[in-house]
Amino acid sequence: MRLAFLATNNGSSMRAIVAACRDGRLAAQPVLVVSNRKDSPALAFAAENGVTTRCIPTIKDPDGADAALAEALAAARADLVVLSGYLRKLGPRTLAAYRHRILNVHPALLPDFGGQGMYGRRVHEAVLAAGVAETGATVHLVDDEYDHGPSVAQARVPVNAGDTAADIEARVMAAEPGLFIDTLRRIASGELKLPAA
């Protein structure tokens, strides 16, 4: 299974998944890391680990960036695309070319606490304000709406009395890499079937 990654900043899940591929916990090959920022730490990590990198800025020419991204993914012969903190909405060419093959992890139990503007600490602040007893992480398929595609897997974590948003964030971030790796392992083994493209 050939994996491409999109990351704007650090790419924490991408780093964990690449490590799992390298040490044999995941039968997959990282083939490409793309960022919209040339100074992204994710690109530096990928280069240090022998993974092909591309920087495709999106702001000045979103349509051109969409075409370039779709072409780069095709050239890398990616089977799946993994979003790892990619803070840009994907364009129609990329979404069409990789329908039901783009995965993202969201730091809450979707469909709750998702949608435009719901990322990072904001999600955990909303969880805290809602007074719910648990939260978690959701791996879902990406479509043309934020945090909207079908959920594939979830990991649940408790919200404890006295928690701050930072406490919740740390607990969810600790759960995300294992959830993503396990989900990809189940896809690679055929145990988990994604919808037809």
N, C-alpha and C. Protein backbone atom coordinates (compact mmCIF):
# COMPACT_ATOMS: atom_id res chain seq x y z
N MET A 1 0.85 -1.18 0.00
CA MET A 1 0.00 0.00 0.00
C MET A 1 0.89 1.24 0.00
N ARG A 2 0.71 2.08 -1.00
CA ARG A 2 1.55 3.27 -1.17
C ARG A 2 0.82 4.48 -0.57
N LEU A 3 1.48 5.15 0.37
CA LEU A 3 0.86 6.24 1.11
C LEU A 3 1.48 7.58 0.74
N ALA A 4 0.61 8.55 0.45
CA ALA A 4 1.04 9.94 0.30
C ALA A 4 0.46 10.73 1.47
N PHE A 5 1.16 11.76 1.89
CA PHE A 5 0.75 12.56 3.04
C PHE A 5 0.68 14.03 2.66
N LEU A 6 -0.31 14.71 3.22
CA LEU A 6 -0.42 16.16 3.09
C LEU A 6 -0.33 16.75 4.49
N ALA A 7 0.60 17.69 4.69
CA ALA A 7 0.81 18.28 6.01
C ALA A 7 1.20 19.74 5.86
N THR A 8 0.60 20.59 6.68
CA THR A 8 0.94 22.01 6.65
C THR A 8 2.09 22.32 7.59
N ASN A 9 2.07 21.74 8.78
CA ASN A 9 3.07 22.09 9.79
C ASN A 9 3.94 20.89 10.16
N ASN A 10 3.72 20.34 11.34
CA ASN A 10 4.60 19.31 11.89
C ASN A 10 4.33 17.91 11.32
N GLY A 11 3.06 17.62 11.04
CA GLY A 11 2.73 16.30 10.52
C GLY A 11 2.91 15.18 11.53
N SER A 12 2.36 15.35 12.73
CA SER A 12 2.59 14.38 13.82
C SER A 12 2.14 12.98 13.45
N SER A 13 0.93 12.85 12.91
CA SER A 13 0.45 11.51 12.52
C SER A 13 1.30 10.93 11.41
N MET A 14 1.69 11.78 10.45
CA MET A 14 2.56 11.32 9.37
C MET A 14 3.85 10.74 9.91
N ARG A 15 4.45 11.40 10.89
CA ARG A 15 5.70 10.92 11.48
C ARG A 15 5.51 9.54 12.13
N ALA A 16 4.41 9.38 12.85
CA ALA A 16 4.15 8.10 13.51
C ALA A 16 3.89 7.00 12.49
N ILE A 17 3.17 7.33 11.41
CA ILE A 17 2.86 6.34 10.38
C ILE A 17 4.13 5.94 9.62
N VAL A 18 4.97 6.91 9.29
CA VAL A 18 6.25 6.60 8.62
C VAL A 18 7.08 5.68 9.50
N ALA A 19 7.14 5.96 10.81
CA ALA A 19 7.90 5.10 11.73
C ALA A 19 7.33 3.69 11.75
N ALA A 20 5.99 3.58 11.73
CA ALA A 20 5.36 2.25 11.73
C ALA A 20 5.66 1.48 10.45
N CYS A 21 5.75 2.19 9.33
CA CYS A 21 6.12 1.55 8.06
C CYS A 21 7.57 1.06 8.13
N ARG A 22 8.44 1.88 8.70
CA ARG A 22 9.86 1.55 8.75
C ARG A 22 10.15 0.36 9.67
N ASP A 23 9.41 0.26 10.80
CA ASP A 23 9.72 -0.82 11.75
C ASP A 23 8.84 -2.06 11.57
N GLY A 24 8.06 -2.09 10.50
CA GLY A 24 7.31 -3.31 10.17
C GLY A 24 5.96 -3.45 10.83
N ARG A 25 5.51 -2.45 11.57
CA ARG A 25 4.18 -2.54 12.18
C ARG A 25 3.07 -2.28 11.17
N LEU A 26 3.42 -1.66 10.04
CA LEU A 26 2.44 -1.33 9.01
C LEU A 26 3.00 -1.71 7.66
N ALA A 27 2.26 -2.56 6.94
CA ALA A 27 2.70 -3.02 5.62
C ALA A 27 2.33 -1.97 4.58
N ALA A 28 3.11 -0.91 4.57
CA ALA A 28 2.85 0.19 3.64
C ALA A 28 4.16 0.91 3.36
N GLN A 29 4.15 1.70 2.27
CA GLN A 29 5.34 2.44 1.86
C GLN A 29 5.00 3.92 1.74
N PRO A 30 5.68 4.78 2.52
CA PRO A 30 5.48 6.22 2.34
C PRO A 30 6.16 6.67 1.04
N VAL A 31 5.39 7.26 0.12
CA VAL A 31 5.97 7.59 -1.19
C VAL A 31 6.04 9.08 -1.47
N LEU A 32 5.29 9.91 -0.70
CA LEU A 32 5.28 11.34 -0.99
C LEU A 32 4.75 12.11 0.22
N VAL A 33 5.39 13.24 0.51
CA VAL A 33 4.86 14.19 1.49
C VAL A 33 4.75 15.54 0.79
N VAL A 34 3.54 16.11 0.82
CA VAL A 34 3.28 17.41 0.20
C VAL A 34 2.87 18.40 1.27
N SER A 35 3.42 19.61 1.20
CA SER A 35 2.99 20.68 2.08
C SER A 35 2.68 21.92 1.26
N ASN A 36 1.83 22.76 1.79
CA ASN A 36 1.56 24.05 1.17
C ASN A 36 2.55 25.12 1.66
N ARG A 37 3.43 24.74 2.61
CA ARG A 37 4.43 25.66 3.15
C ARG A 37 5.84 25.11 2.91
N LYS A 38 6.69 25.89 2.29
CA LYS A 38 8.04 25.41 1.98
C LYS A 38 8.88 25.20 3.23
N ASP A 39 8.54 25.92 4.34
CA ASP A 39 9.29 25.78 5.58
C ASP A 39 8.63 24.79 6.55
N SER A 40 7.75 23.97 6.05
CA SER A 40 7.05 23.00 6.90
C SER A 40 8.03 21.99 7.51
N PRO A 41 7.97 21.79 8.84
CA PRO A 41 8.80 20.75 9.46
C PRO A 41 8.50 19.35 8.90
N ALA A 42 7.28 19.15 8.40
CA ALA A 42 6.94 17.85 7.82
C ALA A 42 7.80 17.54 6.60
N LEU A 43 8.07 18.56 5.79
CA LEU A 43 8.92 18.34 4.60
C LEU A 43 10.35 18.00 5.02
N ALA A 44 10.86 18.69 6.04
CA ALA A 44 12.21 18.40 6.52
C ALA A 44 12.29 16.98 7.05
N PHE A 45 11.29 16.56 7.81
CA PHE A 45 11.26 15.20 8.34
C PHE A 45 11.24 14.18 7.19
N ALA A 46 10.38 14.43 6.20
CA ALA A 46 10.28 13.50 5.07
C ALA A 46 11.61 13.38 4.34
N ALA A 47 12.26 14.51 4.08
CA ALA A 47 13.54 14.49 3.38
C ALA A 47 14.59 13.71 4.17
N GLU A 48 14.60 13.91 5.49
CA GLU A 48 15.55 13.19 6.35
C GLU A 48 15.29 11.69 6.34
N ASN A 49 14.05 11.30 6.04
CA ASN A 49 13.68 9.88 6.06
C ASN A 49 13.53 9.28 4.67
N GLY A 50 14.05 9.97 3.67
CA GLY A 50 14.10 9.42 2.32
C GLY A 50 12.77 9.36 1.60
N VAL A 51 11.82 10.21 2.01
CA VAL A 51 10.52 10.24 1.34
C VAL A 51 10.48 11.45 0.42
N THR A 52 10.04 11.28 -0.80
CA THR A 52 9.95 12.36 -1.77
C THR A 52 9.07 13.48 -1.24
N THR A 53 9.47 14.72 -1.45
CA THR A 53 8.71 15.87 -0.97
C THR A 53 8.32 16.79 -2.12
N ARG A 54 7.21 17.50 -1.92
CA ARG A 54 6.79 18.55 -2.85
C ARG A 54 6.18 19.68 -2.04
N CYS A 55 6.45 20.90 -2.41
CA CYS A 55 5.76 22.06 -1.85
C CYS A 55 4.84 22.60 -2.93
N ILE A 56 3.54 22.64 -2.62
CA ILE A 56 2.55 23.16 -3.57
C ILE A 56 1.75 24.25 -2.86
N PRO A 57 2.16 25.52 -3.00
CA PRO A 57 1.41 26.62 -2.38
C PRO A 57 0.00 26.69 -2.97
N THR A 58 -0.95 27.09 -2.14
CA THR A 58 -2.35 27.04 -2.57
C THR A 58 -3.03 28.39 -2.67
N ILE A 59 -2.51 29.42 -2.02
CA ILE A 59 -3.28 30.66 -1.87
C ILE A 59 -3.41 31.44 -3.18
N LYS A 60 -2.32 31.63 -3.91
CA LYS A 60 -2.37 32.48 -5.11
C LYS A 60 -3.14 31.85 -6.25
N ASP A 61 -3.06 30.53 -6.39
CA ASP A 61 -3.70 29.84 -7.52
C ASP A 61 -4.27 28.51 -7.04
N PRO A 62 -5.43 28.53 -6.39
CA PRO A 62 -6.01 27.29 -5.86
C PRO A 62 -6.28 26.23 -6.94
N ASP A 63 -6.75 26.67 -8.12
CA ASP A 63 -7.05 25.70 -9.18
C ASP A 63 -5.77 25.05 -9.69
N GLY A 64 -4.73 25.86 -9.88
CA GLY A 64 -3.45 25.32 -10.33
C GLY A 64 -2.85 24.40 -9.28
N ALA A 65 -3.00 24.76 -8.01
CA ALA A 65 -2.49 23.91 -6.92
C ALA A 65 -3.23 22.58 -6.89
N ASP A 66 -4.54 22.61 -7.10
CA ASP A 66 -5.34 21.38 -7.13
C ASP A 66 -4.86 20.47 -8.26
N ALA A 67 -4.64 21.04 -9.43
CA ALA A 67 -4.15 20.24 -10.56
C ALA A 67 -2.76 19.68 -10.27
N ALA A 68 -1.88 20.51 -9.71
CA ALA A 68 -0.51 20.06 -9.41
C ALA A 68 -0.53 18.95 -8.36
N LEU A 69 -1.41 19.08 -7.36
CA LEU A 69 -1.49 18.06 -6.32
C LEU A 69 -2.01 16.74 -6.90
N ALA A 70 -3.05 16.80 -7.69
CA ALA A 70 -3.59 15.57 -8.31
C ALA A 70 -2.52 14.89 -9.17
N GLU A 71 -1.75 15.69 -9.91
CA GLU A 71 -0.68 15.14 -10.76
C GLU A 71 0.43 14.52 -9.91
N ALA A 72 0.81 15.20 -8.82
CA ALA A 72 1.88 14.69 -7.96
C ALA A 72 1.48 13.36 -7.31
N LEU A 73 0.24 13.27 -6.87
CA LEU A 73 -0.25 12.03 -6.25
C LEU A 73 -0.29 10.90 -7.26
N ALA A 74 -0.73 11.21 -8.49
CA ALA A 74 -0.77 10.19 -9.53
C ALA A 74 0.64 9.74 -9.90
N ALA A 75 1.57 10.70 -10.01
CA ALA A 75 2.96 10.36 -10.36
C ALA A 75 3.59 9.47 -9.29
N ALA A 76 3.20 9.67 -8.02
CA ALA A 76 3.73 8.86 -6.92
C ALA A 76 3.02 7.50 -6.82
N ARG A 77 2.00 7.32 -7.64
CA ARG A 77 1.18 6.08 -7.64
C ARG A 77 0.66 5.79 -6.22
N ALA A 78 0.17 6.84 -5.56
CA ALA A 78 -0.35 6.70 -4.21
C ALA A 78 -1.66 5.91 -4.23
N ASP A 79 -1.77 4.98 -3.30
CA ASP A 79 -3.02 4.24 -3.13
C ASP A 79 -3.98 4.98 -2.19
N LEU A 80 -3.41 5.57 -1.16
CA LEU A 80 -4.19 6.34 -0.19
C LEU A 80 -3.47 7.66 0.08
N VAL A 81 -4.27 8.68 0.41
CA VAL A 81 -3.73 9.98 0.79
C VAL A 81 -4.12 10.22 2.24
N VAL A 82 -3.12 10.54 3.06
CA VAL A 82 -3.33 10.75 4.50
C VAL A 82 -3.12 12.22 4.81
N LEU A 83 -4.15 12.86 5.36
CA LEU A 83 -4.01 14.25 5.81
C LEU A 83 -3.49 14.25 7.24
N SER A 84 -2.42 15.00 7.46
CA SER A 84 -1.80 15.09 8.78
C SER A 84 -1.64 16.56 9.13
N GLY A 85 -2.75 17.16 9.59
CA GLY A 85 -2.72 18.58 9.89
C GLY A 85 -2.56 19.42 8.65
N TYR A 86 -3.30 19.06 7.59
CA TYR A 86 -3.26 19.83 6.35
C TYR A 86 -4.38 20.86 6.41
N LEU A 87 -4.00 22.13 6.54
CA LEU A 87 -4.97 23.19 6.83
C LEU A 87 -5.47 23.88 5.57
N ARG A 88 -5.73 23.10 4.54
CA ARG A 88 -6.29 23.62 3.30
C ARG A 88 -7.38 22.67 2.83
N LYS A 89 -8.42 23.27 2.25
CA LYS A 89 -9.49 22.46 1.68
C LYS A 89 -9.01 21.90 0.34
N LEU A 90 -9.28 20.63 0.09
CA LEU A 90 -8.83 20.01 -1.16
C LEU A 90 -9.75 20.42 -2.31
N GLY A 91 -9.16 20.49 -3.49
CA GLY A 91 -9.90 20.91 -4.67
C GLY A 91 -10.59 19.75 -5.37
N PRO A 92 -11.45 20.06 -6.33
CA PRO A 92 -12.28 19.04 -6.98
C PRO A 92 -11.50 17.98 -7.77
N ARG A 93 -10.37 18.35 -8.38
CA ARG A 93 -9.60 17.35 -9.14
C ARG A 93 -9.01 16.29 -8.21
N THR A 94 -8.41 16.75 -7.12
CA THR A 94 -7.82 15.81 -6.17
C THR A 94 -8.91 14.94 -5.52
N LEU A 95 -10.01 15.57 -5.14
CA LEU A 95 -11.11 14.81 -4.52
C LEU A 95 -11.68 13.77 -5.47
N ALA A 96 -11.82 14.13 -6.76
CA ALA A 96 -12.37 13.18 -7.74
C ALA A 96 -11.39 12.04 -8.00
N ALA A 97 -10.11 12.37 -8.12
CA ALA A 97 -9.10 11.35 -8.43
C ALA A 97 -8.92 10.36 -7.29
N TYR A 98 -9.16 10.81 -6.05
CA TYR A 98 -8.93 9.96 -4.88
C TYR A 98 -10.20 9.83 -4.04
N ARG A 99 -11.33 9.72 -4.72
CA ARG A 99 -12.61 9.57 -4.01
C ARG A 99 -12.57 8.33 -3.12
N HIS A 100 -12.93 8.52 -1.86
CA HIS A 100 -12.93 7.45 -0.84
C HIS A 100 -11.53 6.89 -0.59
N ARG A 101 -10.49 7.65 -0.93
CA ARG A 101 -9.12 7.21 -0.71
C ARG A 101 -8.29 8.27 0.02
N ILE A 102 -8.96 9.29 0.56
CA ILE A 102 -8.28 10.33 1.32
C ILE A 102 -8.78 10.24 2.76
N LEU A 103 -7.85 10.08 3.69
CA LEU A 103 -8.20 9.91 5.10
C LEU A 103 -7.66 11.07 5.94
N ASN A 104 -8.46 11.48 6.91
CA ASN A 104 -8.06 12.52 7.84
C ASN A 104 -8.38 12.04 9.25
N VAL A 105 -7.64 12.55 10.23
CA VAL A 105 -8.00 12.30 11.63
C VAL A 105 -8.45 13.63 12.22
N HIS A 106 -9.61 13.61 12.86
CA HIS A 106 -10.16 14.81 13.49
C HIS A 106 -10.15 14.61 15.00
N PRO A 107 -9.77 15.65 15.77
CA PRO A 107 -9.59 15.45 17.22
C PRO A 107 -10.88 15.55 18.03
N ALA A 108 -11.91 14.86 17.58
CA ALA A 108 -13.18 14.77 18.32
C ALA A 108 -13.95 13.59 17.74
N LEU A 109 -15.07 13.27 18.38
CA LEU A 109 -15.91 12.17 17.90
C LEU A 109 -16.95 12.74 16.93
N LEU A 110 -16.58 12.75 15.66
CA LEU A 110 -17.51 13.25 14.65
C LEU A 110 -18.80 12.42 14.67
N PRO A 111 -19.94 13.01 14.36
CA PRO A 111 -20.13 14.33 13.74
C PRO A 111 -20.08 15.52 14.70
N ASP A 112 -19.89 15.28 15.99
CA ASP A 112 -19.82 16.39 16.95
C ASP A 112 -18.48 17.12 16.84
N PHE A 113 -18.52 18.41 17.05
CA PHE A 113 -17.31 19.26 17.15
C PHE A 113 -16.46 19.23 15.88
N GLY A 114 -17.14 19.21 14.74
CA GLY A 114 -16.46 19.28 13.45
C GLY A 114 -16.95 20.47 12.66
N GLY A 115 -16.40 20.65 11.47
CA GLY A 115 -16.83 21.71 10.57
C GLY A 115 -15.78 22.79 10.44
N GLN A 116 -16.10 23.79 9.61
CA GLN A 116 -15.15 24.86 9.32
C GLN A 116 -14.75 25.58 10.60
N GLY A 117 -13.46 25.81 10.76
CA GLY A 117 -12.94 26.51 11.93
C GLY A 117 -12.71 25.62 13.14
N MET A 118 -13.14 24.36 13.07
CA MET A 118 -12.99 23.45 14.21
C MET A 118 -11.71 22.63 14.02
N TYR A 119 -10.61 23.18 14.50
CA TYR A 119 -9.33 22.47 14.44
C TYR A 119 -8.51 22.89 15.64
N GLY A 120 -7.54 22.06 15.98
CA GLY A 120 -6.62 22.38 17.07
C GLY A 120 -7.33 22.60 18.39
N ARG A 121 -6.82 23.54 19.16
CA ARG A 121 -7.31 23.79 20.51
C ARG A 121 -8.79 24.20 20.53
N ARG A 122 -9.26 24.81 19.43
CA ARG A 122 -10.67 25.23 19.37
C ARG A 122 -11.62 24.05 19.61
N VAL A 123 -11.26 22.89 19.06
CA VAL A 123 -12.11 21.71 19.21
C VAL A 123 -12.22 21.34 20.69
N HIS A 124 -11.11 21.32 21.37
CA HIS A 124 -11.09 20.87 22.77
C HIS A 124 -11.75 21.90 23.69
N GLU A 125 -11.65 23.18 23.33
CA GLU A 125 -12.37 24.21 24.08
C GLU A 125 -13.87 24.02 23.94
N ALA A 126 -14.32 23.66 22.73
CA ALA A 126 -15.75 23.41 22.51
C ALA A 126 -16.23 22.17 23.26
N VAL A 127 -15.39 21.14 23.29
CA VAL A 127 -15.72 19.92 24.05
C VAL A 127 -15.87 20.26 25.53
N LEU A 128 -14.94 21.02 26.06
CA LEU A 128 -14.98 21.41 27.47
C LEU A 128 -16.23 22.23 27.77
N ALA A 129 -16.54 23.18 26.89
CA ALA A 129 -17.71 24.05 27.09
C ALA A 129 -19.02 23.26 27.04
N ALA A 130 -19.03 22.17 26.27
CA ALA A 130 -20.26 21.37 26.14
C ALA A 130 -20.50 20.47 27.35
N GLY A 131 -19.47 20.23 28.16
CA GLY A 131 -19.63 19.43 29.35
C GLY A 131 -19.84 17.95 29.10
N VAL A 132 -19.33 17.43 27.99
CA VAL A 132 -19.50 16.01 27.68
C VAL A 132 -18.53 15.16 28.49
N ALA A 133 -18.86 13.88 28.65
CA ALA A 133 -18.06 12.98 29.50
C ALA A 133 -16.91 12.33 28.74
N GLU A 134 -17.00 12.33 27.41
CA GLU A 134 -15.91 11.73 26.62
C GLU A 134 -15.76 12.45 25.30
N THR A 135 -14.58 12.34 24.77
CA THR A 135 -14.27 12.85 23.45
C THR A 135 -13.37 11.81 22.78
N GLY A 136 -12.57 12.19 21.81
CA GLY A 136 -11.71 11.21 21.17
C GLY A 136 -11.21 11.69 19.84
N ALA A 137 -10.95 10.75 18.96
CA ALA A 137 -10.45 11.05 17.62
C ALA A 137 -11.22 10.21 16.62
N THR A 138 -11.40 10.76 15.43
CA THR A 138 -12.13 10.08 14.36
C THR A 138 -11.29 10.07 13.10
N VAL A 139 -11.07 8.90 12.51
CA VAL A 139 -10.52 8.81 11.17
C VAL A 139 -11.71 8.76 10.21
N HIS A 140 -11.71 9.69 9.25
CA HIS A 140 -12.84 9.76 8.33
C HIS A 140 -12.35 9.98 6.90
N LEU A 141 -13.22 9.65 5.95
CA LEU A 141 -12.94 9.91 4.55
C LEU A 141 -13.19 11.39 4.28
N VAL A 142 -12.38 11.96 3.41
CA VAL A 142 -12.45 13.39 3.12
C VAL A 142 -13.30 13.62 1.88
N ASP A 143 -14.23 14.59 2.03
CA ASP A 143 -15.00 15.03 0.87
C ASP A 143 -14.89 16.55 0.75
N ASP A 144 -15.83 17.18 0.07
CA ASP A 144 -15.68 18.62 -0.19
C ASP A 144 -16.22 19.50 0.93
N GLU A 145 -16.59 18.91 2.08
CA GLU A 145 -16.99 19.70 3.24
C GLU A 145 -16.06 19.36 4.41
N TYR A 146 -15.79 20.34 5.26
CA TYR A 146 -14.90 20.10 6.40
C TYR A 146 -15.49 19.04 7.33
N ASP A 147 -14.68 18.03 7.64
CA ASP A 147 -15.01 17.01 8.66
C ASP A 147 -16.35 16.34 8.39
N HIS A 148 -16.67 16.12 7.12
CA HIS A 148 -18.01 15.67 6.76
C HIS A 148 -18.05 14.23 6.25
N GLY A 149 -16.98 13.75 5.64
CA GLY A 149 -17.01 12.42 5.02
C GLY A 149 -17.27 11.32 6.03
N PRO A 150 -17.63 10.13 5.56
CA PRO A 150 -17.98 9.02 6.46
C PRO A 150 -16.86 8.67 7.43
N SER A 151 -17.24 8.41 8.68
CA SER A 151 -16.27 7.97 9.68
C SER A 151 -15.85 6.53 9.41
N VAL A 152 -14.57 6.25 9.60
CA VAL A 152 -14.01 4.92 9.36
C VAL A 152 -13.67 4.24 10.68
N ALA A 153 -13.17 5.01 11.66
CA ALA A 153 -12.77 4.45 12.96
C ALA A 153 -12.72 5.57 13.99
N GLN A 154 -12.93 5.19 15.25
CA GLN A 154 -12.86 6.17 16.34
C GLN A 154 -12.13 5.58 17.54
N ALA A 155 -11.47 6.47 18.28
CA ALA A 155 -10.90 6.12 19.58
C ALA A 155 -11.49 7.08 20.59
N ARG A 156 -11.93 6.56 21.73
CA ARG A 156 -12.59 7.37 22.74
C ARG A 156 -11.65 7.62 23.91
N VAL A 157 -11.69 8.85 24.44
CA VAL A 157 -10.92 9.17 25.64
C VAL A 157 -11.84 9.93 26.59
N PRO A 158 -11.62 9.79 27.89
CA PRO A 158 -12.49 10.45 28.86
C PRO A 158 -12.19 11.94 28.97
N VAL A 159 -13.22 12.69 29.35
CA VAL A 159 -13.04 14.07 29.79
C VAL A 159 -13.21 14.04 31.30
N ASN A 160 -12.16 14.35 32.02
CA ASN A 160 -12.16 14.23 33.48
C ASN A 160 -12.51 15.54 34.15
N ALA A 161 -13.06 15.44 35.34
CA ALA A 161 -13.35 16.64 36.14
C ALA A 161 -12.07 17.44 36.34
N GLY A 162 -12.15 18.73 36.13
CA GLY A 162 -10.98 19.58 36.31
C GLY A 162 -10.09 19.69 35.09
N ASP A 163 -10.41 18.99 34.02
CA ASP A 163 -9.60 19.08 32.80
C ASP A 163 -9.62 20.49 32.21
N THR A 164 -8.50 20.87 31.65
CA THR A 164 -8.44 22.06 30.81
C THR A 164 -8.48 21.60 29.35
N ALA A 165 -8.66 22.57 28.45
CA ALA A 165 -8.62 22.22 27.02
C ALA A 165 -7.26 21.61 26.67
N ALA A 166 -6.19 22.08 27.29
CA ALA A 166 -4.85 21.53 27.03
C ALA A 166 -4.75 20.08 27.49
N ASP A 167 -5.39 19.74 28.63
CA ASP A 167 -5.39 18.36 29.11
C ASP A 167 -6.09 17.44 28.11
N ILE A 168 -7.23 17.90 27.63
CA ILE A 168 -8.00 17.10 26.68
C ILE A 168 -7.22 16.95 25.38
N GLU A 169 -6.63 18.05 24.93
CA GLU A 169 -5.85 18.02 23.69
C GLU A 169 -4.71 17.00 23.79
N ALA A 170 -4.01 16.99 24.91
CA ALA A 170 -2.89 16.06 25.09
C ALA A 170 -3.37 14.61 25.04
N ARG A 171 -4.50 14.35 25.67
CA ARG A 171 -5.03 12.98 25.71
C ARG A 171 -5.48 12.52 24.31
N VAL A 172 -6.13 13.42 23.58
CA VAL A 172 -6.58 13.07 22.23
C VAL A 172 -5.38 12.91 21.30
N MET A 173 -4.42 13.82 21.39
CA MET A 173 -3.23 13.72 20.52
C MET A 173 -2.47 12.42 20.76
N ALA A 174 -2.47 11.95 22.00
CA ALA A 174 -1.80 10.69 22.31
C ALA A 174 -2.52 9.50 21.68
N ALA A 175 -3.84 9.63 21.49
CA ALA A 175 -4.63 8.53 20.92
C ALA A 175 -4.61 8.50 19.40
N GLU A 176 -4.35 9.64 18.78
CA GLU A 176 -4.49 9.74 17.32
C GLU A 176 -3.53 8.84 16.53
N PRO A 177 -2.22 8.84 16.80
CA PRO A 177 -1.32 8.05 15.96
C PRO A 177 -1.66 6.55 15.95
N GLY A 178 -1.93 6.00 17.13
CA GLY A 178 -2.27 4.58 17.20
C GLY A 178 -3.54 4.25 16.44
N LEU A 179 -4.54 5.14 16.56
CA LEU A 179 -5.79 4.94 15.82
C LEU A 179 -5.54 4.96 14.33
N PHE A 180 -4.75 5.93 13.86
CA PHE A 180 -4.49 6.05 12.42
C PHE A 180 -3.71 4.84 11.92
N ILE A 181 -2.68 4.44 12.65
CA ILE A 181 -1.86 3.29 12.25
C ILE A 181 -2.72 2.02 12.21
N ASP A 182 -3.53 1.80 13.23
CA ASP A 182 -4.39 0.62 13.27
C ASP A 182 -5.39 0.63 12.13
N THR A 183 -5.95 1.79 11.82
CA THR A 183 -6.90 1.90 10.71
C THR A 183 -6.23 1.55 9.39
N LEU A 184 -5.03 2.09 9.16
CA LEU A 184 -4.31 1.79 7.92
C LEU A 184 -3.91 0.31 7.87
N ARG A 185 -3.53 -0.25 9.00
CA ARG A 185 -3.19 -1.68 9.05
C ARG A 185 -4.40 -2.53 8.65
N ARG A 186 -5.57 -2.17 9.14
CA ARG A 186 -6.79 -2.92 8.82
C ARG A 186 -7.17 -2.76 7.34
N ILE A 187 -6.91 -1.58 6.77
CA ILE A 187 -7.15 -1.38 5.34
C ILE A 187 -6.18 -2.23 4.52
N ALA A 188 -4.90 -2.18 4.91
CA ALA A 188 -3.87 -2.93 4.16
C ALA A 188 -4.13 -4.42 4.18
N SER A 189 -4.65 -4.94 5.31
CA SER A 189 -4.88 -6.38 5.44
C SER A 189 -6.20 -6.83 4.80
N GLY A 190 -7.03 -5.87 4.42
CA GLY A 190 -8.35 -6.21 3.86
C GLY A 190 -9.44 -6.37 4.91
N GLU A 191 -9.06 -6.23 6.18
CA GLU A 191 -10.06 -6.35 7.26
C GLU A 191 -11.07 -5.21 7.21
N LEU A 192 -10.60 -4.02 6.80
CA LEU A 192 -11.47 -2.86 6.70
C LEU A 192 -11.57 -2.47 5.24
N LYS A 193 -12.78 -2.49 4.70
CA LYS A 193 -13.01 -2.18 3.30
C LYS A 193 -13.51 -0.75 3.18
N LEU A 194 -12.83 0.04 2.35
CA LEU A 194 -13.32 1.38 2.05
C LEU A 194 -14.37 1.29 0.93
N PRO A 195 -15.27 2.27 0.86
CA PRO A 195 -16.27 2.26 -0.23
C PRO A 195 -15.58 2.27 -1.58
N ALA A 196 -16.28 1.77 -2.59
CA ALA A 196 -15.72 1.78 -3.95
C ALA A 196 -15.51 3.22 -4.41
N ALA A 197 -14.45 3.42 -5.17
CA ALA A 197 -14.10 4.79 -5.62
C ALA A 197 -15.15 5.35 -6.56
